[in-house]
Amino acid sequence: MVELWIGFVSGLIVFVIGSGIFLFFVRRKLADARALWQATQLKHEAAKKEIETERREAVIKLKDELYKRRSEFELDIKRERVELERFQTKLNVKYDAIEKKEQRLDELQREAQQKERALARLADQLRASEIKLKQLYEDLIAKLEHVAGMTRDEARHTLLKTLDYEVRVAHEKWLQKVEEEAKQNAKERSIEILLGAMQRYVADQVSPHSSSVVHLPNEEMKGRIIGKEGRNIKALEMATGMEFVIGDTPEIITISGFNPVRREVARRSLEKLILDGRINPTRIEETVGQCERDLEEIVMEYGKKALLQFNLQGVKPEMISLLGQLYFRTSYTQNVLAHSIEVAYFARIIAEELGLPNPEIAVRAGLFHDIGKALSAEQEGPHAVIGADVARRCGEDPLVVNAIAAHHEEVPFLSPYAPIIMIADTISASRPGARRETLTAYLKRLEKLEELAQTFAGVKKAYALQAGREIRVIVEEEVLDDDGAAMLARGLADKISQEMAFPGQIRVNVIREKRAIEYAR
């Protein structure tokens, strides 16, 4: 029982202590909540005061801004009012000026109407005067026709004929004067350029020449070359494509053919066979084949050497081979490869003197201008056109192709490089000692000059002088006057340029004179 009582008391004590602790914590929480509520109230009141203060400040600022805007608006209104008054004043001034101008225009209109009426009266008077003058003109024309003995159309035709002759004569004199001045200036400049080009280039006068004559060690060698029943000579001709002429001249065989390279192969083959001593058809074929291969290498070497002199790049092997073949070709005893190299040098110098943008075009065109001569024995047509076709096929520049084709004027010039090549070609061919013309060709050229002069009316005699560099024409003084002689000189010069090929220039000298001869006895 006591234990139960003790347990009850202990539990009661624990309950009381727990309740006290619980009450303590409850009171403490209530005190904290009251303090928090009071702090919140204080903050709320402070916030209300702050908001009220800010509201009052905003109202004050708004009133200030409204006052400021109202002041600015009133100021702008005053300014606009002043500007409006100023424009109104200016508008009134302009309105007054317009009224004055309208009054002036009315006055001018009245004056114009008066003048128009006056002009109408004058026009009527002019028409009457015109009718009267026309009648007088017709009467005057009738009187002139009666006095002159010809109609109006005949008189007009005669006048036009006279004027046409006078105009042609005056035009011819003016053309002659202008042409002489232009020729003089161009001649001086061209002389400077050409002399500079020729002085800057130095070359041997004697060009290499390939002979087509083979010398034999003795007369017996002719029989060995001919062979039994002509087998050896036939084998030689079949293998080389050349003709071997064995004449009466002792110890000499002449090789005849149009292809210079094949002719050189034949010459070298025959010389090798003579040195070897073994001459038979089999040996002939072997020797000719070996010489052909050797000559192909030599031809390429000549072509590459020519290109190396000008440092030209991008040239096709076909062009190099054809260029090397020109070494074995001659024109009027001038070696064509040496001539082509000279033309390339002259063309480059002239192009540089004229200030052309690409002198290499002139060099290529000058070096390749006669390349068609390497094929002229195999293809028909002018060598300039053949060479241009080859250059076009090998991818050369169109300006180079045109310069090659036009250097003998078979096609029109398309650039300054074309006439430069023609001039350089003429310089190289006309240098003293460069070429030798045959007597027959020389005489034919002189006869051609005199024949062309005789085709003109009024020509009495014509003489070719100074190796064909001058043609002197004597005209009949009764047929041609001085102006007609000048026109004949121009016409003859044009005809010579069109129908003849010649280096340099030909002077046309027309002479008209009146001679009176009497004898004292």
Protein backbone atom coordinates (compact mmCIF):
# COMPACT_ATOMS: atom_id res chain seq x y z
CA MET A 1 0.00 0.00 0.00
CA VAL A 2 2.80 2.26 0.98
CA GLU A 3 4.51 1.47 -2.29
CA LEU A 4 1.40 2.40 -4.23
CA TRP A 5 1.17 5.60 -2.31
CA ILE A 6 4.78 6.34 -2.94
CA GLY A 7 4.30 5.62 -6.65
CA PHE A 8 1.24 7.83 -6.78
CA VAL A 9 3.06 10.68 -5.04
CA SER A 10 6.05 10.26 -7.34
CA GLY A 11 3.82 10.40 -10.39
CA LEU A 12 1.99 13.43 -9.01
CA ILE A 13 5.29 15.16 -8.39
CA VAL A 14 6.44 14.38 -11.91
CA PHE A 15 3.10 15.68 -13.28
CA VAL A 16 3.38 18.87 -11.27
CA ILE A 17 6.95 19.42 -12.35
CA GLY A 18 6.06 18.73 -15.99
CA SER A 19 3.04 21.02 -15.78
CA GLY A 20 5.23 23.77 -14.33
CA ILE A 21 7.76 23.37 -17.06
CA PHE A 22 4.99 23.40 -19.67
CA LEU A 23 3.44 26.55 -18.20
CA PHE A 24 6.88 28.18 -18.14
CA PHE A 25 7.43 27.50 -21.80
CA VAL A 26 3.86 28.63 -22.67
CA ARG A 27 4.33 31.92 -20.86
CA ARG A 28 7.67 32.40 -22.53
CA LYS A 29 6.16 31.81 -25.98
CA LEU A 30 3.31 34.21 -25.21
CA ALA A 31 5.82 36.86 -24.11
CA ASP A 32 7.82 36.34 -27.33
CA ALA A 33 4.65 36.57 -29.43
CA ARG A 34 3.58 39.77 -27.67
CA ALA A 35 7.02 41.29 -28.23
CA LEU A 36 6.92 40.30 -31.93
CA TRP A 37 3.44 41.80 -32.34
CA GLN A 38 4.52 45.03 -30.72
CA ALA A 39 7.63 45.19 -33.00
CA THR A 40 5.44 44.57 -36.03
CA GLN A 41 3.09 47.34 -34.99
CA LEU A 42 6.00 49.71 -34.57
CA LYS A 43 7.34 48.83 -38.04
CA HIS A 44 3.86 49.26 -39.57
CA GLU A 45 3.47 52.70 -38.04
CA ALA A 46 6.99 53.65 -39.21
CA ALA A 47 6.20 52.44 -42.74
CA LYS A 48 2.93 54.43 -42.76
CA LYS A 49 4.82 57.53 -41.72
CA GLU A 50 7.47 56.97 -44.38
CA ILE A 51 4.83 56.39 -47.10
CA GLU A 52 2.99 59.52 -46.03
CA THR A 53 6.26 61.48 -46.16
CA GLU A 54 7.07 60.19 -49.65
CA ARG A 55 3.50 60.97 -50.83
CA ARG A 56 3.80 64.53 -49.63
CA GLU A 57 7.23 64.90 -51.32
CA ALA A 58 5.82 63.43 -54.60
CA VAL A 59 2.89 65.83 -54.49
CA ILE A 60 5.30 68.74 -54.00
CA LYS A 61 7.52 67.56 -56.90
CA LEU A 62 4.47 67.09 -59.14
CA LYS A 63 3.27 70.60 -58.37
CA ASP A 64 6.75 71.96 -59.15
CA GLU A 65 6.89 70.03 -62.45
CA LEU A 66 3.42 71.23 -63.43
CA TYR A 67 4.42 74.81 -62.70
CA LYS A 68 7.62 74.40 -64.74
CA ARG A 69 5.79 72.83 -67.70
CA ARG A 70 3.11 75.51 -67.56
CA SER A 71 5.82 78.20 -67.67
CA GLU A 72 7.58 76.56 -70.60
CA PHE A 73 4.27 76.12 -72.44
CA GLU A 74 3.37 79.77 -71.94
CA LEU A 75 6.85 80.76 -73.17
CA ASP A 76 6.47 78.58 -76.29
CA ILE A 77 3.05 80.08 -76.96
CA LYS A 78 4.53 83.57 -76.75
CA ARG A 79 7.38 82.56 -79.09
CA GLU A 80 4.98 80.98 -81.59
CA ARG A 81 2.77 84.06 -81.45
CA VAL A 82 5.79 86.31 -82.24
CA GLU A 83 6.85 84.00 -85.13
CA LEU A 84 3.29 83.93 -86.44
CA GLU A 85 3.14 87.70 -86.40
CA ARG A 86 6.45 87.86 -88.27
CA PHE A 87 5.18 85.42 -90.97
CA GLN A 88 1.95 87.39 -91.21
CA THR A 89 3.94 90.56 -91.85
CA LYS A 90 6.08 88.84 -94.50
CA LEU A 91 2.96 87.36 -96.12
CA ASN A 92 1.38 90.79 -96.32
CA VAL A 93 4.54 92.14 -97.99
CA LYS A 94 4.53 89.32 -100.55
CA TYR A 95 0.83 89.79 -101.20
CA ASP A 96 1.47 93.47 -101.96
CA ALA A 97 4.35 92.49 -104.30
CA ILE A 98 2.10 89.96 -106.11
CA GLU A 99 -0.53 92.61 -106.63
CA LYS A 100 2.09 94.92 -108.13
CA LYS A 101 3.36 92.12 -110.43
CA GLU A 102 -0.18 91.36 -111.58
CA GLN A 103 -0.61 94.99 -112.45
CA ARG A 104 2.72 94.90 -114.35
CA LEU A 105 1.70 91.71 -116.19
CA ASP A 106 -1.55 93.34 -117.27
CA GLU A 107 0.43 96.26 -118.66
CA LEU A 108 2.86 93.91 -120.47
CA GLN A 109 -0.03 91.92 -121.91
CA ARG A 110 -1.56 95.07 -123.32
CA GLU A 111 1.83 96.05 -124.82
CA ALA A 112 2.27 92.52 -126.30
CA GLN A 113 -1.15 92.72 -127.92
CA GLN A 114 -0.24 96.05 -129.46
CA LYS A 115 3.09 94.66 -130.75
CA GLU A 116 1.34 91.55 -132.10
CA ARG A 117 -1.01 93.72 -134.11
CA ALA A 118 1.99 95.72 -135.40
CA LEU A 119 3.83 92.48 -136.35
CA ALA A 120 0.79 91.22 -138.22
CA ARG A 121 0.77 94.42 -140.26
CA LEU A 122 4.53 94.02 -140.95
CA ALA A 123 4.01 90.35 -141.96
CA ASP A 124 1.40 91.43 -144.49
CA GLN A 125 3.82 94.01 -145.87
CA LEU A 126 6.63 91.38 -146.02
CA ARG A 127 4.47 88.91 -147.91
CA ALA A 128 3.63 91.59 -150.43
CA SER A 129 7.33 92.50 -150.74
CA GLU A 130 8.26 88.80 -151.09
CA ILE A 131 5.81 88.36 -153.96
CA LYS A 132 7.25 91.45 -155.59
CA LEU A 133 10.88 90.26 -155.10
CA LYS A 134 10.02 86.80 -156.43
CA GLN A 135 8.63 88.38 -159.56
CA LEU A 136 11.75 90.54 -159.90
CA TYR A 137 13.95 87.43 -159.34
CA GLU A 138 12.15 85.52 -162.09
CA ASP A 139 12.52 88.50 -164.44
CA LEU A 140 16.23 88.76 -163.57
CA ILE A 141 16.79 85.00 -164.16
CA ALA A 142 15.06 85.26 -167.52
CA LYS A 143 17.25 88.22 -168.51
CA LEU A 144 20.43 86.35 -167.32
CA GLU A 145 19.48 83.26 -169.32
CA HIS A 146 18.92 85.44 -172.36
CA VAL A 147 22.27 87.26 -171.91
CA ALA A 148 24.30 84.10 -171.04
CA GLY A 149 22.70 81.97 -173.73
CA MET A 150 22.11 78.99 -171.35
CA THR A 151 19.33 77.74 -169.13
CA ARG A 152 19.33 77.81 -165.36
CA ASP A 153 20.15 74.08 -165.09
CA GLU A 154 23.07 74.45 -167.49
CA ALA A 155 24.41 77.41 -165.52
CA ARG A 156 24.05 75.44 -162.25
CA HIS A 157 25.85 72.45 -163.76
CA THR A 158 28.70 74.67 -165.00
CA LEU A 159 29.02 76.39 -161.63
CA LEU A 160 29.03 73.11 -159.72
CA LYS A 161 31.65 71.68 -162.07
CA THR A 162 33.87 74.73 -161.55
CA LEU A 163 33.38 74.62 -157.79
CA ASP A 164 34.06 70.88 -157.72
CA TYR A 165 37.36 71.34 -159.52
CA GLU A 166 38.38 74.24 -157.29
CA VAL A 167 37.44 72.30 -154.16
CA ARG A 168 39.33 69.21 -155.32
CA VAL A 169 42.42 71.29 -156.10
CA ALA A 170 42.23 73.11 -152.74
CA HIS A 171 41.62 69.81 -150.95
CA GLU A 172 44.56 68.22 -152.74
CA LYS A 173 46.83 71.12 -151.76
CA TRP A 174 45.67 70.97 -148.15
CA LEU A 175 46.09 67.18 -148.07
CA GLN A 176 49.54 67.49 -149.58
CA LYS A 177 50.55 70.07 -146.98
CA VAL A 178 49.19 68.06 -144.05
CA GLU A 179 50.66 64.85 -145.41
CA GLU A 180 54.06 66.45 -145.91
CA GLU A 181 54.07 67.75 -142.35
CA ALA A 182 52.90 64.40 -140.97
CA LYS A 183 55.40 62.52 -143.12
CA GLN A 184 58.21 64.81 -141.99
CA ASN A 185 57.39 64.37 -138.30
CA ALA A 186 56.82 60.63 -138.68
CA LYS A 187 59.97 60.29 -140.77
CA GLU A 188 62.11 62.03 -138.17
CA ARG A 189 60.71 59.88 -135.35
CA SER A 190 60.86 56.66 -137.36
CA ILE A 191 64.44 57.44 -138.41
CA GLU A 192 65.39 57.86 -134.76
CA ILE A 193 63.75 54.55 -133.79
CA LEU A 194 65.12 52.59 -136.75
CA LEU A 195 68.63 54.01 -136.46
CA GLY A 196 68.61 53.26 -132.74
CA ALA A 197 67.47 49.70 -133.43
CA MET A 198 70.08 49.11 -136.13
CA GLN A 199 72.89 50.66 -134.09
CA ARG A 200 72.04 48.58 -131.03
CA TYR A 201 72.21 45.32 -133.00
CA VAL A 202 75.51 44.00 -134.30
CA ALA A 203 75.71 40.85 -136.43
CA ASP A 204 78.05 39.25 -138.93
CA GLN A 205 77.41 40.20 -142.53
CA VAL A 206 78.13 36.65 -143.69
CA SER A 207 75.41 34.20 -142.77
CA PRO A 208 76.01 30.43 -142.52
CA HIS A 209 75.19 28.64 -145.72
CA SER A 210 74.57 24.96 -146.37
CA SER A 211 75.97 23.71 -149.67
CA SER A 212 74.23 21.09 -151.79
CA VAL A 213 77.44 20.09 -153.66
CA VAL A 214 79.50 17.07 -152.57
CA HIS A 215 83.16 16.85 -153.57
CA LEU A 216 84.55 13.41 -154.46
CA PRO A 217 88.07 12.21 -153.67
CA ASN A 218 88.50 10.92 -157.24
CA GLU A 219 86.57 10.35 -160.44
CA GLU A 220 86.26 6.58 -159.80
CA MET A 221 84.00 7.31 -156.83
CA LYS A 222 81.22 8.36 -159.26
CA GLY A 223 80.99 4.80 -160.59
CA ARG A 224 80.83 3.31 -157.11
CA ILE A 225 78.08 5.75 -156.14
CA ILE A 226 76.09 4.90 -159.28
CA GLY A 227 76.56 1.17 -158.67
CA LYS A 228 75.74 -1.76 -160.89
CA GLU A 229 72.85 -0.86 -163.18
CA GLY A 230 72.36 2.33 -161.06
CA ARG A 231 71.26 0.42 -157.94
CA ASN A 232 73.19 2.61 -155.49
CA ILE A 233 72.11 5.95 -156.94
CA LYS A 234 68.48 4.75 -157.08
CA ALA A 235 68.66 3.58 -153.46
CA LEU A 236 70.07 6.97 -152.46
CA GLU A 237 67.32 8.85 -154.27
CA MET A 238 64.60 6.58 -152.82
CA ALA A 239 65.92 6.87 -149.24
CA THR A 240 66.52 10.65 -149.28
CA GLY A 241 63.84 11.84 -151.72
CA MET A 242 66.46 13.97 -153.48
CA GLU A 243 67.89 13.90 -156.98
CA PHE A 244 71.66 13.31 -157.38
CA VAL A 245 73.00 15.05 -160.48
CA ILE A 246 76.22 13.53 -161.78
CA GLY A 247 77.38 15.80 -164.58
CA ASP A 248 80.54 16.37 -166.56
CA THR A 249 82.15 18.45 -163.81
CA PRO A 250 84.96 16.31 -162.40
CA GLU A 251 84.80 15.10 -158.79
CA ILE A 252 81.49 16.87 -158.00
CA ILE A 253 77.95 15.59 -157.40
CA THR A 254 75.10 18.08 -157.07
CA ILE A 255 72.08 17.32 -154.86
CA SER A 256 68.81 18.79 -156.12
CA GLY A 257 65.51 19.06 -154.21
CA PHE A 258 63.05 21.53 -152.68
CA ASN A 259 63.22 20.35 -149.06
CA PRO A 260 66.39 21.83 -147.52
CA VAL A 261 66.40 19.45 -144.54
CA ARG A 262 66.14 16.38 -146.75
CA ARG A 263 68.83 17.87 -148.96
CA GLU A 264 71.10 18.21 -145.91
CA VAL A 265 70.36 14.59 -144.94
CA ALA A 266 71.32 13.50 -148.46
CA ARG A 267 74.56 15.50 -148.37
CA ARG A 268 75.62 14.15 -144.98
CA SER A 269 74.70 10.59 -145.97
CA LEU A 270 76.71 10.76 -149.18
CA GLU A 271 79.74 12.20 -147.38
CA LYS A 272 79.58 9.41 -144.77
CA LEU A 273 79.28 6.75 -147.45
CA ILE A 274 82.29 8.18 -149.30
CA LEU A 275 84.38 8.16 -146.10
CA ASP A 276 83.24 4.65 -145.17
CA GLY A 277 83.82 3.27 -148.66
CA ARG A 278 81.08 0.65 -148.34
CA ILE A 279 78.35 1.70 -150.75
CA ASN A 280 75.42 -0.67 -151.25
CA PRO A 281 71.63 -0.36 -150.87
CA THR A 282 71.59 -1.85 -147.36
CA ARG A 283 74.41 0.39 -146.15
CA ILE A 284 72.75 3.38 -147.82
CA GLU A 285 69.48 2.82 -145.91
CA GLU A 286 71.34 2.48 -142.59
CA THR A 287 73.43 5.60 -143.22
CA VAL A 288 70.45 7.70 -144.30
CA GLY A 289 68.47 6.58 -141.23
CA GLN A 290 71.38 7.45 -138.93
CA CYS A 291 71.82 10.86 -140.58
CA GLU A 292 68.10 11.56 -140.23
CA ARG A 293 68.26 10.86 -136.49
CA ASP A 294 71.41 12.94 -136.11
CA LEU A 295 69.89 15.82 -138.05
CA GLU A 296 66.71 15.73 -135.93
CA GLU A 297 68.86 16.25 -132.84
CA ILE A 298 70.84 19.01 -134.58
CA VAL A 299 67.61 20.71 -135.67
CA MET A 300 66.27 20.65 -132.10
CA GLU A 301 69.57 22.04 -130.83
CA TYR A 302 69.43 24.93 -133.29
CA GLY A 303 65.84 25.66 -132.28
CA LYS A 304 66.57 25.53 -128.53
CA LYS A 305 69.64 27.71 -128.98
CA ALA A 306 67.56 30.36 -130.77
CA LEU A 307 64.94 30.27 -127.98
CA LEU A 308 67.64 30.50 -125.34
CA GLN A 309 68.93 33.76 -126.82
CA PHE A 310 65.59 35.39 -125.93
CA ASN A 311 64.70 33.25 -122.89
CA LEU A 312 61.36 32.23 -124.41
CA GLN A 313 59.29 29.67 -122.50
CA GLY A 314 56.27 27.51 -123.31
CA VAL A 315 57.16 26.73 -126.94
CA LYS A 316 55.86 23.43 -128.31
CA PRO A 317 58.40 20.89 -129.68
CA GLU A 318 56.86 21.18 -133.15
CA MET A 319 57.66 24.89 -133.21
CA ILE A 320 61.20 24.25 -131.95
CA SER A 321 61.80 21.67 -134.68
CA LEU A 322 60.47 23.94 -137.44
CA LEU A 323 62.56 26.82 -136.10
CA GLY A 324 65.70 24.69 -136.18
CA GLN A 325 64.94 23.58 -139.76
CA LEU A 326 65.19 27.22 -140.86
CA TYR A 327 68.96 26.95 -140.35
CA PHE A 328 69.12 24.91 -143.56
CA ARG A 329 66.87 27.30 -145.52
CA THR A 330 68.11 30.41 -147.37
CA SER A 331 66.26 33.32 -148.94
CA TYR A 332 68.24 35.36 -151.48
CA THR A 333 71.38 33.75 -149.95
CA GLN A 334 70.36 34.93 -146.44
CA ASN A 335 70.09 32.22 -143.81
CA VAL A 336 66.46 32.19 -142.67
CA LEU A 337 67.19 31.26 -139.03
CA ALA A 338 69.76 34.05 -138.70
CA HIS A 339 67.27 36.37 -140.39
CA SER A 340 64.52 35.35 -137.92
CA ILE A 341 66.80 36.01 -134.96
CA GLU A 342 67.65 39.44 -136.37
CA VAL A 343 63.95 40.23 -136.85
CA ALA A 344 63.23 39.22 -133.23
CA TYR A 345 65.99 41.54 -131.97
CA PHE A 346 64.80 44.46 -134.11
CA ALA A 347 61.15 43.87 -133.15
CA ARG A 348 61.94 43.88 -129.44
CA ILE A 349 63.99 47.10 -129.70
CA ILE A 350 61.28 48.89 -131.73
CA ALA A 351 58.52 47.70 -129.36
CA GLU A 352 60.49 48.98 -126.36
CA GLU A 353 61.14 52.32 -128.08
CA LEU A 354 57.41 52.69 -128.80
CA GLY A 355 56.56 51.84 -125.18
CA LEU A 356 54.37 48.82 -125.95
CA PRO A 357 53.25 46.88 -122.86
CA ASN A 358 54.53 43.42 -123.84
CA PRO A 359 57.72 43.36 -125.97
CA GLU A 360 57.86 39.54 -125.63
CA ILE A 361 54.95 39.31 -128.11
CA ALA A 362 57.11 41.17 -130.64
CA VAL A 363 60.05 38.83 -129.92
CA ARG A 364 57.96 35.66 -130.39
CA ALA A 365 56.32 36.97 -133.55
CA GLY A 366 59.67 38.08 -134.96
CA LEU A 367 61.37 34.77 -134.23
CA PHE A 368 58.51 32.68 -135.65
CA HIS A 369 57.48 34.99 -138.54
CA ASP A 370 59.16 32.83 -141.26
CA ILE A 371 58.49 29.45 -139.65
CA GLY A 372 56.12 28.62 -142.50
CA LYS A 373 59.12 28.45 -144.86
CA ALA A 374 60.09 25.18 -143.19
CA LEU A 375 56.84 23.70 -144.56
CA SER A 376 56.50 25.65 -147.82
CA ALA A 377 57.96 22.73 -149.80
CA GLU A 378 55.28 20.39 -148.39
CA GLN A 379 52.21 22.65 -148.17
CA GLU A 380 50.73 25.03 -150.71
CA GLY A 381 50.08 28.67 -149.89
CA PRO A 382 51.97 31.75 -148.62
CA HIS A 383 54.54 30.92 -145.97
CA ALA A 384 53.12 33.66 -143.69
CA VAL A 385 49.68 32.02 -143.62
CA ILE A 386 51.20 28.54 -143.18
CA GLY A 387 53.33 29.78 -140.28
CA ALA A 388 50.32 31.48 -138.66
CA ASP A 389 48.34 28.21 -138.86
CA VAL A 390 51.18 26.34 -137.16
CA ALA A 391 51.48 28.99 -134.43
CA ARG A 392 47.71 28.91 -133.83
CA ARG A 393 47.77 25.11 -133.62
CA CYS A 394 50.62 25.24 -131.10
CA GLY A 395 48.74 27.62 -128.80
CA GLU A 396 50.56 30.88 -129.47
CA ASP A 397 48.98 34.22 -128.50
CA PRO A 398 46.43 35.52 -131.11
CA LEU A 399 48.50 38.72 -131.45
CA VAL A 400 51.56 36.62 -132.33
CA VAL A 401 49.51 34.61 -134.85
CA ASN A 402 48.20 37.79 -136.51
CA ALA A 403 51.67 39.36 -136.65
CA ILE A 404 53.05 36.23 -138.37
CA ALA A 405 50.19 36.10 -140.89
CA ALA A 406 50.28 39.85 -141.63
CA HIS A 407 54.01 40.46 -142.08
CA HIS A 408 53.52 40.29 -145.87
CA GLU A 409 50.07 41.96 -145.63
CA GLU A 410 48.10 38.84 -146.58
CA VAL A 411 45.73 39.64 -143.67
CA PRO A 412 44.85 42.96 -141.93
CA PHE A 413 46.84 44.21 -138.95
CA LEU A 414 45.09 43.65 -135.60
CA SER A 415 47.70 45.21 -133.29
CA PRO A 416 50.82 47.43 -133.40
CA TYR A 417 52.97 44.29 -133.22
CA ALA A 418 52.05 43.27 -136.79
CA PRO A 419 53.53 46.35 -138.56
CA ILE A 420 56.54 46.17 -136.22
CA ILE A 421 57.30 42.65 -137.50
CA MET A 422 56.92 43.82 -141.10
CA ILE A 423 59.33 46.75 -140.45
CA ALA A 424 61.85 44.53 -138.63
CA ASP A 425 61.67 42.00 -141.48
CA THR A 426 62.39 44.77 -143.98
CA ILE A 427 65.33 46.08 -141.91
CA SER A 428 66.92 42.64 -141.68
CA ALA A 429 66.42 41.92 -145.38
CA SER A 430 67.61 45.37 -146.51
CA ARG A 431 70.85 45.56 -144.52
CA PRO A 432 73.86 45.91 -146.81
CA GLY A 433 75.20 42.48 -147.65
CA ALA A 434 72.24 40.62 -146.14
CA ARG A 435 70.67 39.54 -149.44
CA ARG A 436 71.64 39.40 -153.06
CA GLU A 437 69.00 39.83 -155.74
CA THR A 438 69.36 38.10 -159.06
CA LEU A 439 69.88 40.24 -162.14
CA THR A 440 66.68 38.96 -163.75
CA ALA A 441 64.53 39.88 -160.72
CA TYR A 442 66.24 43.27 -160.52
CA LEU A 443 65.50 44.09 -164.17
CA LYS A 444 61.92 42.90 -163.87
CA ARG A 445 61.37 45.20 -160.90
CA LEU A 446 62.66 48.21 -162.83
CA GLU A 447 60.50 47.34 -165.85
CA LYS A 448 57.46 46.93 -163.60
CA LEU A 449 58.01 50.40 -162.13
CA GLU A 450 58.17 52.02 -165.59
CA GLU A 451 55.12 50.07 -166.80
CA LEU A 452 53.02 51.26 -163.85
CA ALA A 453 53.96 54.87 -164.58
CA GLN A 454 52.99 54.52 -168.25
CA THR A 455 49.45 53.43 -167.31
CA PHE A 456 48.54 57.00 -166.28
CA ALA A 457 47.21 59.53 -168.82
CA GLY A 458 49.50 62.43 -169.72
CA VAL A 459 52.78 60.54 -169.00
CA LYS A 460 55.41 61.21 -171.66
CA LYS A 461 58.36 59.19 -170.33
CA ALA A 462 59.23 57.26 -167.15
CA TYR A 463 62.66 56.24 -165.84
CA ALA A 464 63.51 53.96 -162.89
CA LEU A 465 66.59 55.35 -161.13
CA GLN A 466 68.88 54.53 -158.18
CA ALA A 467 68.40 50.76 -158.42
CA GLY A 468 64.63 51.13 -158.35
CA ARG A 469 64.48 53.42 -155.32
CA GLU A 470 63.18 56.33 -157.45
CA ILE A 471 60.83 56.60 -160.42
CA ARG A 472 61.11 59.82 -162.45
CA VAL A 473 58.05 60.64 -164.57
CA ILE A 474 57.96 63.36 -167.25
CA VAL A 475 54.41 64.47 -168.11
CA GLU A 476 52.97 66.41 -171.06
CA GLU A 477 52.50 70.01 -170.01
CA GLU A 478 49.51 70.53 -172.32
CA VAL A 479 47.57 67.61 -170.81
CA LEU A 480 48.29 68.05 -167.08
CA ASP A 481 48.64 71.23 -165.04
CA ASP A 482 50.62 71.53 -161.79
CA ASP A 483 47.76 70.30 -159.64
CA GLY A 484 47.17 67.38 -161.98
CA ALA A 485 50.88 66.46 -161.72
CA ALA A 486 50.61 66.39 -157.91
CA MET A 487 47.54 64.15 -158.14
CA LEU A 488 49.35 61.85 -160.58
CA ALA A 489 52.29 61.52 -158.13
CA ARG A 490 49.93 60.51 -155.35
CA GLY A 491 48.04 58.04 -157.54
CA LEU A 492 51.25 56.43 -158.84
CA ALA A 493 52.64 56.07 -155.30
CA ASP A 494 49.43 54.35 -154.16
CA LYS A 495 49.46 52.01 -157.15
CA ILE A 496 53.12 51.04 -156.59
CA SER A 497 52.36 50.29 -152.91
CA GLN A 498 49.44 48.06 -153.87
CA GLU A 499 50.95 46.12 -156.79
CA MET A 500 54.66 45.78 -155.97
CA ALA A 501 56.71 44.25 -153.16
CA PHE A 502 59.92 46.13 -152.36
CA PRO A 503 62.13 46.87 -149.35
CA GLY A 504 62.32 50.41 -148.01
CA GLN A 505 60.55 53.12 -150.02
CA ILE A 506 60.37 54.32 -153.62
CA ARG A 507 60.41 58.02 -154.40
CA VAL A 508 57.95 59.18 -157.08
CA ASN A 509 59.25 62.29 -158.86
CA VAL A 510 56.82 63.87 -161.39
CA ILE A 511 58.33 66.59 -163.65
CA ARG A 512 56.23 69.06 -165.67
CA GLU A 513 58.00 71.80 -167.56
CA LYS A 514 57.45 74.07 -170.55
CA ARG A 515 60.36 74.45 -172.97
CA ALA A 516 60.51 77.01 -175.78
CA ILE A 517 63.25 76.31 -178.37
CA GLU A 518 64.20 78.56 -181.28
CA TYR A 519 67.25 78.69 -183.54
CA ALA A 520 69.09 81.87 -184.53
CA ARG A 521 70.47 81.78 -188.09
